[in-house]
Amino acid sequence: MLNFERSCDLRFLIVMLAGLILAPGAYADDKDDVLAFIHQYGELEGDLKAQAKLIRDDRVMITSVRQSDAAKNMAIQMAARQASEAINGGKTKFITTIESPQIAIYGNVAVTSFERSFAIFPHNQPAEPPGPSTWVTLVLVKERGEWGIAHTHISPVGGD
């Protein structure tokens, strides 16, 4: 019986040590994945249909108003974009800049914050001057190995 107990203790110790050794690497991988996710989110600003695939059905978005119906919010954004592009006669190009991302990971939840700005190039129109930067906070949830946006908060840099 003693050999069995020692064997179990040894297996437990090996599993615990392996977890301690491998855990920082898993965290680093998640942090890299979240950073890549943030940049993908920014790059897809010109393709709202593709960007919508990054958003969970239960996402809440706060800008100047709080919107808790993710599907309706995306439908409104897409309709507004399509109307604007119809007036301009073609697709608008967006170049998004993301500065100083901060990432904190708590298990399967990541809280991110960064400064975002756009360069906007409407079809058949002069380029728009860069708008003011905004602070963006995203709360991401990891399910089935994939990150998804559960909460978005956007506010102007400098407040108001």
N, C-alpha and C. Protein backbone atom coordinates (compact mmCIF):
# COMPACT_ATOMS: atom_id res chain seq x y z
N MET A 1 0.82 -1.19 0.00
CA MET A 1 0.00 0.00 0.00
C MET A 1 0.86 1.26 0.00
N LEU A 2 2.00 1.21 0.68
CA LEU A 2 2.88 2.37 0.73
C LEU A 2 3.42 2.73 -0.65
N ASN A 3 3.76 1.73 -1.45
CA ASN A 3 4.28 2.01 -2.79
C ASN A 3 3.23 2.70 -3.64
N PHE A 4 1.97 2.26 -3.52
CA PHE A 4 0.89 2.88 -4.28
C PHE A 4 0.72 4.35 -3.88
N GLU A 5 0.75 4.63 -2.57
CA GLU A 5 0.62 6.01 -2.10
C GLU A 5 1.79 6.87 -2.58
N ARG A 6 3.01 6.33 -2.52
CA ARG A 6 4.18 7.08 -3.02
C ARG A 6 4.06 7.34 -4.51
N SER A 7 3.58 6.33 -5.24
CA SER A 7 3.41 6.47 -6.68
C SER A 7 2.40 7.57 -7.00
N CYS A 8 1.29 7.60 -6.26
CA CYS A 8 0.27 8.64 -6.47
C CYS A 8 0.83 10.01 -6.10
N ASP A 9 1.56 10.08 -5.00
CA ASP A 9 2.17 11.35 -4.58
C ASP A 9 3.15 11.84 -5.62
N LEU A 10 3.95 10.92 -6.16
CA LEU A 10 4.94 11.29 -7.17
C LEU A 10 4.26 11.78 -8.45
N ARG A 11 3.20 11.10 -8.87
CA ARG A 11 2.46 11.54 -10.06
C ARG A 11 1.84 12.92 -9.83
N PHE A 12 1.27 13.12 -8.66
CA PHE A 12 0.68 14.42 -8.33
C PHE A 12 1.75 15.51 -8.38
N LEU A 13 2.91 15.24 -7.79
CA LEU A 13 4.00 16.21 -7.78
C LEU A 13 4.47 16.53 -9.20
N ILE A 14 4.59 15.52 -10.04
CA ILE A 14 5.02 15.73 -11.44
C ILE A 14 4.00 16.58 -12.18
N VAL A 15 2.71 16.27 -12.01
CA VAL A 15 1.66 17.04 -12.69
C VAL A 15 1.68 18.49 -12.21
N MET A 16 1.82 18.72 -10.92
CA MET A 16 1.85 20.08 -10.38
C MET A 16 3.05 20.85 -10.90
N LEU A 17 4.23 20.23 -10.91
CA LEU A 17 5.43 20.90 -11.41
C LEU A 17 5.30 21.21 -12.90
N ALA A 18 4.77 20.29 -13.66
CA ALA A 18 4.57 20.54 -15.10
C ALA A 18 3.63 21.72 -15.29
N GLY A 19 2.56 21.78 -14.49
CA GLY A 19 1.63 22.90 -14.59
C GLY A 19 2.29 24.23 -14.28
N LEU A 20 3.12 24.25 -13.25
CA LEU A 20 3.82 25.49 -12.89
C LEU A 20 4.81 25.91 -13.96
N ILE A 21 5.44 24.95 -14.59
CA ILE A 21 6.42 25.26 -15.63
C ILE A 21 5.73 25.72 -16.90
N LEU A 22 4.62 25.08 -17.27
CA LEU A 22 3.96 25.37 -18.54
C LEU A 22 2.96 26.53 -18.45
N ALA A 23 2.46 26.87 -17.29
CA ALA A 23 1.44 27.91 -17.15
C ALA A 23 1.88 29.27 -17.68
N PRO A 24 3.10 29.76 -17.38
CA PRO A 24 3.48 31.05 -17.94
C PRO A 24 3.49 31.06 -19.46
N GLY A 25 3.85 29.95 -20.07
CA GLY A 25 3.84 29.87 -21.53
C GLY A 25 2.43 29.94 -22.09
N ALA A 26 1.48 29.29 -21.41
CA ALA A 26 0.08 29.34 -21.85
C ALA A 26 -0.43 30.77 -21.74
N TYR A 27 -0.09 31.45 -20.65
CA TYR A 27 -0.52 32.84 -20.47
C TYR A 27 0.08 33.72 -21.55
N ALA A 28 1.37 33.51 -21.85
CA ALA A 28 2.04 34.31 -22.89
C ALA A 28 1.37 34.07 -24.24
N ASP A 29 1.01 32.82 -24.54
CA ASP A 29 0.33 32.53 -25.79
C ASP A 29 -1.01 33.23 -25.85
N ASP A 30 -1.78 33.22 -24.75
CA ASP A 30 -3.06 33.92 -24.71
C ASP A 30 -2.86 35.41 -24.93
N LYS A 31 -1.85 35.98 -24.31
CA LYS A 31 -1.60 37.42 -24.46
C LYS A 31 -1.27 37.75 -25.92
N ASP A 32 -0.45 36.93 -26.55
CA ASP A 32 -0.14 37.12 -27.97
C ASP A 32 -1.40 36.98 -28.83
N ASP A 33 -2.23 35.98 -28.50
CA ASP A 33 -3.48 35.77 -29.25
C ASP A 33 -4.41 36.97 -29.09
N VAL A 34 -4.51 37.50 -27.88
CA VAL A 34 -5.38 38.66 -27.65
C VAL A 34 -4.85 39.88 -28.40
N LEU A 35 -3.55 40.09 -28.40
CA LEU A 35 -2.97 41.21 -29.14
C LEU A 35 -3.28 41.07 -30.64
N ALA A 36 -3.11 39.87 -31.18
CA ALA A 36 -3.44 39.63 -32.59
C ALA A 36 -4.93 39.87 -32.84
N PHE A 37 -5.77 39.48 -31.90
CA PHE A 37 -7.22 39.68 -32.01
C PHE A 37 -7.55 41.17 -32.08
N ILE A 38 -6.92 41.96 -31.21
CA ILE A 38 -7.14 43.41 -31.19
C ILE A 38 -6.79 44.01 -32.56
N HIS A 39 -5.65 43.63 -33.11
CA HIS A 39 -5.24 44.17 -34.40
C HIS A 39 -6.16 43.69 -35.52
N GLN A 40 -6.62 42.45 -35.45
CA GLN A 40 -7.58 41.96 -36.44
C GLN A 40 -8.87 42.76 -36.36
N TYR A 41 -9.34 43.02 -35.16
CA TYR A 41 -10.55 43.83 -34.95
C TYR A 41 -10.39 45.19 -35.64
N GLY A 42 -9.23 45.82 -35.46
CA GLY A 42 -8.99 47.11 -36.10
C GLY A 42 -8.90 47.02 -37.61
N GLU A 43 -8.23 46.00 -38.12
CA GLU A 43 -8.07 45.84 -39.57
C GLU A 43 -9.39 45.57 -40.27
N LEU A 44 -10.36 45.01 -39.56
CA LEU A 44 -11.64 44.68 -40.17
C LEU A 44 -12.66 45.82 -40.11
N GLU A 45 -12.24 47.01 -39.74
CA GLU A 45 -13.18 48.14 -39.66
C GLU A 45 -13.83 48.41 -41.02
N GLY A 46 -13.13 48.14 -42.09
CA GLY A 46 -13.69 48.34 -43.43
C GLY A 46 -14.58 47.19 -43.88
N ASP A 47 -14.65 46.11 -43.13
CA ASP A 47 -15.47 44.95 -43.46
C ASP A 47 -16.27 44.55 -42.23
N LEU A 48 -17.36 45.27 -42.02
CA LEU A 48 -18.15 45.06 -40.80
C LEU A 48 -18.74 43.66 -40.72
N LYS A 49 -19.03 43.05 -41.86
CA LYS A 49 -19.57 41.68 -41.85
C LYS A 49 -18.53 40.72 -41.27
N ALA A 50 -17.29 40.87 -41.67
CA ALA A 50 -16.22 40.03 -41.12
C ALA A 50 -15.95 40.39 -39.66
N GLN A 51 -15.99 41.69 -39.34
CA GLN A 51 -15.76 42.11 -37.97
C GLN A 51 -16.84 41.55 -37.04
N ALA A 52 -18.07 41.43 -37.54
CA ALA A 52 -19.18 40.92 -36.73
C ALA A 52 -18.92 39.49 -36.26
N LYS A 53 -18.11 38.74 -36.99
CA LYS A 53 -17.79 37.37 -36.59
C LYS A 53 -16.93 37.32 -35.32
N LEU A 54 -16.33 38.45 -34.96
CA LEU A 54 -15.52 38.53 -33.74
C LEU A 54 -16.36 38.85 -32.52
N ILE A 55 -17.63 39.18 -32.75
CA ILE A 55 -18.51 39.68 -31.69
C ILE A 55 -19.47 38.60 -31.24
N ARG A 56 -19.56 38.43 -29.93
CA ARG A 56 -20.49 37.47 -29.34
C ARG A 56 -21.92 38.00 -29.46
N ASP A 57 -22.88 37.08 -29.46
CA ASP A 57 -24.30 37.47 -29.54
C ASP A 57 -24.74 38.30 -28.35
N ASP A 58 -24.08 38.13 -27.20
CA ASP A 58 -24.48 38.84 -25.99
C ASP A 58 -23.65 40.11 -25.75
N ARG A 59 -22.94 40.57 -26.76
CA ARG A 59 -22.08 41.75 -26.60
C ARG A 59 -22.90 42.99 -26.28
N VAL A 60 -22.39 43.78 -25.34
CA VAL A 60 -22.93 45.09 -25.01
C VAL A 60 -21.93 46.11 -25.52
N MET A 61 -22.42 47.16 -26.18
CA MET A 61 -21.55 48.21 -26.71
C MET A 61 -21.98 49.54 -26.13
N ILE A 62 -20.99 50.27 -25.62
CA ILE A 62 -21.27 51.60 -25.07
C ILE A 62 -20.42 52.61 -25.84
N THR A 63 -21.11 53.54 -26.47
CA THR A 63 -20.46 54.71 -27.10
C THR A 63 -21.13 55.91 -26.45
N SER A 64 -21.85 56.66 -27.21
CA SER A 64 -22.63 57.74 -26.59
C SER A 64 -23.94 57.18 -26.03
N VAL A 65 -24.29 55.95 -26.42
CA VAL A 65 -25.46 55.24 -25.89
C VAL A 65 -25.04 53.81 -25.58
N ARG A 66 -25.88 53.12 -24.80
CA ARG A 66 -25.62 51.71 -24.49
C ARG A 66 -26.50 50.87 -25.40
N GLN A 67 -25.88 49.91 -26.11
CA GLN A 67 -26.61 49.02 -27.01
C GLN A 67 -26.36 47.58 -26.58
N SER A 68 -27.44 46.89 -26.19
CA SER A 68 -27.28 45.53 -25.69
C SER A 68 -27.76 44.47 -26.69
N ASP A 69 -28.29 44.89 -27.82
CA ASP A 69 -28.71 43.95 -28.87
C ASP A 69 -27.62 43.96 -29.95
N ALA A 70 -26.67 43.02 -29.84
CA ALA A 70 -25.50 43.00 -30.73
C ALA A 70 -25.91 42.88 -32.19
N ALA A 71 -26.88 42.04 -32.49
CA ALA A 71 -27.29 41.83 -33.88
C ALA A 71 -27.88 43.12 -34.47
N LYS A 72 -28.75 43.77 -33.71
CA LYS A 72 -29.37 45.01 -34.21
C LYS A 72 -28.31 46.11 -34.35
N ASN A 73 -27.41 46.20 -33.40
CA ASN A 73 -26.34 47.20 -33.46
C ASN A 73 -25.50 47.02 -34.73
N MET A 74 -25.10 45.77 -35.01
CA MET A 74 -24.30 45.52 -36.23
C MET A 74 -25.12 45.81 -37.48
N ALA A 75 -26.41 45.48 -37.47
CA ALA A 75 -27.27 45.75 -38.63
C ALA A 75 -27.34 47.26 -38.89
N ILE A 76 -27.45 48.04 -37.83
CA ILE A 76 -27.50 49.50 -37.98
C ILE A 76 -26.17 50.02 -38.52
N GLN A 77 -25.06 49.53 -37.96
CA GLN A 77 -23.75 49.97 -38.45
C GLN A 77 -23.56 49.62 -39.93
N MET A 78 -23.95 48.40 -40.31
CA MET A 78 -23.79 47.98 -41.70
C MET A 78 -24.68 48.79 -42.63
N ALA A 79 -25.92 49.06 -42.22
CA ALA A 79 -26.84 49.84 -43.05
C ALA A 79 -26.32 51.26 -43.24
N ALA A 80 -25.80 51.86 -42.17
CA ALA A 80 -25.23 53.22 -42.27
C ALA A 80 -24.03 53.22 -43.21
N ARG A 81 -23.18 52.22 -43.10
CA ARG A 81 -22.00 52.13 -43.96
C ARG A 81 -22.42 51.95 -45.42
N GLN A 82 -23.40 51.07 -45.68
CA GLN A 82 -23.87 50.85 -47.05
C GLN A 82 -24.49 52.11 -47.64
N ALA A 83 -25.24 52.86 -46.83
CA ALA A 83 -25.85 54.10 -47.32
C ALA A 83 -24.77 55.11 -47.68
N SER A 84 -23.76 55.23 -46.85
CA SER A 84 -22.66 56.15 -47.12
C SER A 84 -21.91 55.74 -48.39
N GLU A 85 -21.66 54.46 -48.53
CA GLU A 85 -20.93 53.98 -49.71
C GLU A 85 -21.77 54.10 -50.98
N ALA A 86 -23.09 53.99 -50.86
CA ALA A 86 -23.96 54.16 -52.03
C ALA A 86 -23.89 55.61 -52.52
N ILE A 87 -23.87 56.56 -51.60
CA ILE A 87 -23.76 57.97 -51.97
C ILE A 87 -22.42 58.24 -52.66
N ASN A 88 -21.35 57.61 -52.14
CA ASN A 88 -20.01 57.84 -52.68
C ASN A 88 -19.71 56.99 -53.91
N GLY A 89 -20.57 56.03 -54.23
CA GLY A 89 -20.39 55.21 -55.42
C GLY A 89 -19.38 54.08 -55.26
N GLY A 90 -19.04 53.73 -54.04
CA GLY A 90 -18.10 52.61 -53.85
C GLY A 90 -17.68 52.46 -52.41
N LYS A 91 -16.84 51.48 -52.20
CA LYS A 91 -16.41 51.10 -50.85
C LYS A 91 -15.46 52.13 -50.24
N THR A 92 -15.66 52.39 -48.96
CA THR A 92 -14.78 53.26 -48.20
C THR A 92 -13.64 52.42 -47.64
N LYS A 93 -12.42 52.95 -47.71
CA LYS A 93 -11.25 52.26 -47.16
C LYS A 93 -10.94 52.86 -45.80
N PHE A 94 -10.70 52.00 -44.83
CA PHE A 94 -10.33 52.41 -43.48
C PHE A 94 -8.94 51.89 -43.18
N ILE A 95 -8.12 52.73 -42.63
CA ILE A 95 -6.84 52.30 -42.07
C ILE A 95 -6.90 52.65 -40.59
N THR A 96 -6.83 51.62 -39.77
CA THR A 96 -6.98 51.79 -38.33
C THR A 96 -5.61 51.72 -37.66
N THR A 97 -5.38 52.63 -36.74
CA THR A 97 -4.16 52.61 -35.94
C THR A 97 -4.54 52.29 -34.51
N ILE A 98 -3.83 51.33 -33.94
CA ILE A 98 -4.05 50.94 -32.55
C ILE A 98 -2.76 51.21 -31.80
N GLU A 99 -2.85 52.01 -30.76
CA GLU A 99 -1.67 52.41 -29.97
C GLU A 99 -1.79 51.92 -28.53
N SER A 100 -0.68 51.60 -27.96
CA SER A 100 -0.53 51.30 -26.52
C SER A 100 -1.55 50.31 -25.97
N PRO A 101 -1.70 49.15 -26.60
CA PRO A 101 -2.66 48.20 -26.04
C PRO A 101 -2.20 47.67 -24.67
N GLN A 102 -3.14 47.61 -23.77
CA GLN A 102 -2.93 47.03 -22.45
C GLN A 102 -3.81 45.79 -22.38
N ILE A 103 -3.27 44.69 -21.86
CA ILE A 103 -4.01 43.43 -21.82
C ILE A 103 -3.86 42.82 -20.43
N ALA A 104 -4.99 42.43 -19.85
CA ALA A 104 -4.99 41.68 -18.60
C ALA A 104 -5.86 40.45 -18.83
N ILE A 105 -5.33 39.29 -18.46
CA ILE A 105 -6.05 38.04 -18.69
C ILE A 105 -6.38 37.40 -17.35
N TYR A 106 -7.65 36.99 -17.22
CA TYR A 106 -8.15 36.35 -16.01
C TYR A 106 -8.82 35.04 -16.42
N GLY A 107 -8.03 34.01 -16.62
CA GLY A 107 -8.57 32.74 -17.07
C GLY A 107 -9.05 32.84 -18.50
N ASN A 108 -10.36 32.67 -18.71
CA ASN A 108 -10.91 32.74 -20.06
C ASN A 108 -11.49 34.11 -20.39
N VAL A 109 -11.11 35.13 -19.61
CA VAL A 109 -11.56 36.51 -19.85
C VAL A 109 -10.34 37.41 -20.00
N ALA A 110 -10.37 38.26 -21.02
CA ALA A 110 -9.30 39.25 -21.22
C ALA A 110 -9.93 40.64 -21.24
N VAL A 111 -9.31 41.56 -20.54
CA VAL A 111 -9.73 42.96 -20.55
C VAL A 111 -8.63 43.73 -21.26
N THR A 112 -9.01 44.43 -22.31
CA THR A 112 -8.03 45.15 -23.12
C THR A 112 -8.42 46.62 -23.21
N SER A 113 -7.42 47.44 -23.37
CA SER A 113 -7.65 48.87 -23.53
C SER A 113 -6.59 49.40 -24.48
N PHE A 114 -7.00 50.27 -25.40
CA PHE A 114 -6.05 50.84 -26.36
C PHE A 114 -6.61 52.13 -26.93
N GLU A 115 -5.73 52.88 -27.58
CA GLU A 115 -6.14 54.09 -28.28
C GLU A 115 -6.29 53.74 -29.76
N ARG A 116 -7.42 54.16 -30.35
CA ARG A 116 -7.70 53.82 -31.76
C ARG A 116 -7.98 55.10 -32.54
N SER A 117 -7.44 55.13 -33.76
CA SER A 117 -7.78 56.23 -34.68
C SER A 117 -7.94 55.65 -36.08
N PHE A 118 -8.65 56.39 -36.92
CA PHE A 118 -8.93 55.97 -38.29
C PHE A 118 -8.38 56.97 -39.29
N ALA A 119 -7.90 56.45 -40.41
CA ALA A 119 -7.73 57.25 -41.62
C ALA A 119 -8.82 56.71 -42.56
N ILE A 120 -9.68 57.60 -43.07
CA ILE A 120 -10.84 57.18 -43.85
C ILE A 120 -10.72 57.74 -45.26
N PHE A 121 -10.90 56.84 -46.23
CA PHE A 121 -10.77 57.19 -47.64
C PHE A 121 -12.05 56.78 -48.37
N PRO A 122 -13.07 57.67 -48.41
CA PRO A 122 -14.31 57.34 -49.11
C PRO A 122 -14.07 57.24 -50.62
N HIS A 123 -14.78 56.34 -51.26
CA HIS A 123 -14.69 56.18 -52.72
C HIS A 123 -15.14 57.48 -53.41
N ASN A 124 -14.39 57.90 -54.39
CA ASN A 124 -14.71 59.10 -55.20
C ASN A 124 -14.84 60.37 -54.37
N GLN A 125 -14.21 60.41 -53.22
CA GLN A 125 -14.26 61.59 -52.36
C GLN A 125 -12.85 61.87 -51.86
N PRO A 126 -12.57 63.10 -51.46
CA PRO A 126 -11.27 63.35 -50.84
C PRO A 126 -11.16 62.60 -49.51
N ALA A 127 -9.95 62.26 -49.16
CA ALA A 127 -9.74 61.60 -47.88
C ALA A 127 -10.23 62.50 -46.76
N GLU A 128 -10.79 61.91 -45.76
CA GLU A 128 -11.25 62.68 -44.61
C GLU A 128 -10.07 62.96 -43.70
N PRO A 129 -10.05 64.13 -43.08
CA PRO A 129 -8.98 64.36 -42.11
C PRO A 129 -9.13 63.37 -40.97
N PRO A 130 -8.02 62.95 -40.39
CA PRO A 130 -8.14 61.99 -39.28
C PRO A 130 -9.04 62.55 -38.18
N GLY A 131 -9.93 61.70 -37.71
CA GLY A 131 -10.82 62.10 -36.62
C GLY A 131 -10.08 62.00 -35.30
N PRO A 132 -10.72 62.42 -34.27
CA PRO A 132 -10.08 62.33 -32.95
C PRO A 132 -9.89 60.87 -32.55
N SER A 133 -8.84 60.61 -31.83
CA SER A 133 -8.61 59.26 -31.31
C SER A 133 -9.67 58.93 -30.27
N THR A 134 -9.90 57.65 -30.10
CA THR A 134 -10.82 57.19 -29.07
C THR A 134 -10.13 56.15 -28.20
N TRP A 135 -10.58 56.07 -26.96
CA TRP A 135 -10.17 54.98 -26.08
C TRP A 135 -11.14 53.85 -26.33
N VAL A 136 -10.62 52.66 -26.48
CA VAL A 136 -11.46 51.48 -26.66
C VAL A 136 -11.11 50.47 -25.58
N THR A 137 -12.13 49.99 -24.91
CA THR A 137 -11.98 48.88 -23.97
C THR A 137 -12.79 47.73 -24.52
N LEU A 138 -12.15 46.57 -24.64
CA LEU A 138 -12.83 45.35 -25.04
C LEU A 138 -12.72 44.34 -23.91
N VAL A 139 -13.81 43.68 -23.62
CA VAL A 139 -13.78 42.53 -22.73
C VAL A 139 -14.01 41.32 -23.63
N LEU A 140 -13.03 40.43 -23.65
CA LEU A 140 -13.09 39.25 -24.50
C LEU A 140 -13.33 38.01 -23.64
N VAL A 141 -14.06 37.06 -24.18
CA VAL A 141 -14.29 35.79 -23.52
C VAL A 141 -13.82 34.68 -24.46
N LYS A 142 -13.07 33.75 -23.90
CA LYS A 142 -12.56 32.63 -24.70
C LYS A 142 -13.45 31.41 -24.48
N GLU A 143 -14.07 30.95 -25.58
CA GLU A 143 -14.89 29.74 -25.55
C GLU A 143 -14.48 28.86 -26.72
N ARG A 144 -14.36 27.57 -26.45
CA ARG A 144 -13.95 26.60 -27.47
C ARG A 144 -12.67 27.04 -28.18
N GLY A 145 -11.75 27.65 -27.41
CA GLY A 145 -10.45 28.04 -27.94
C GLY A 145 -10.44 29.32 -28.74
N GLU A 146 -11.56 30.04 -28.84
CA GLU A 146 -11.66 31.26 -29.63
C GLU A 146 -12.07 32.44 -28.75
N TRP A 147 -11.43 33.58 -28.97
CA TRP A 147 -11.80 34.80 -28.27
C TRP A 147 -12.97 35.46 -28.99
N GLY A 148 -13.88 36.06 -28.23
CA GLY A 148 -15.00 36.81 -28.79
C GLY A 148 -15.25 38.03 -27.93
N ILE A 149 -15.75 39.08 -28.56
CA ILE A 149 -15.98 40.34 -27.86
C ILE A 149 -17.32 40.27 -27.11
N ALA A 150 -17.25 40.41 -25.78
CA ALA A 150 -18.46 40.39 -24.94
C ALA A 150 -18.88 41.81 -24.55
N HIS A 151 -17.94 42.75 -24.57
CA HIS A 151 -18.26 44.12 -24.16
C HIS A 151 -17.31 45.08 -24.87
N THR A 152 -17.85 46.17 -25.37
CA THR A 152 -17.06 47.23 -26.01
C THR A 152 -17.45 48.56 -25.38
N HIS A 153 -16.47 49.33 -25.01
CA HIS A 153 -16.71 50.69 -24.52
C HIS A 153 -15.77 51.63 -25.27
N ILE A 154 -16.35 52.64 -25.91
CA ILE A 154 -15.57 53.59 -26.70
C ILE A 154 -15.86 54.98 -26.19
N SER A 155 -14.79 55.73 -25.92
CA SER A 155 -14.96 57.12 -25.47
C SER A 155 -13.84 57.97 -26.05
N PRO A 156 -14.08 59.28 -26.19
CA PRO A 156 -13.06 60.15 -26.77
C PRO A 156 -11.82 60.28 -25.87
N VAL A 157 -10.67 60.34 -26.50
CA VAL A 157 -9.46 60.62 -25.74
C VAL A 157 -9.59 62.05 -25.24
N GLY A 158 -9.29 62.28 -23.99
CA GLY A 158 -9.43 63.62 -23.43
C GLY A 158 -10.77 63.84 -22.76
N GLY A 159 -11.63 62.80 -22.80
CA GLY A 159 -12.89 62.85 -22.07
C GLY A 159 -13.97 63.66 -22.73
N ASP A 160 -14.95 63.97 -22.04
CA ASP A 160 -16.18 64.74 -22.18
C ASP A 160 -17.37 63.90 -22.13
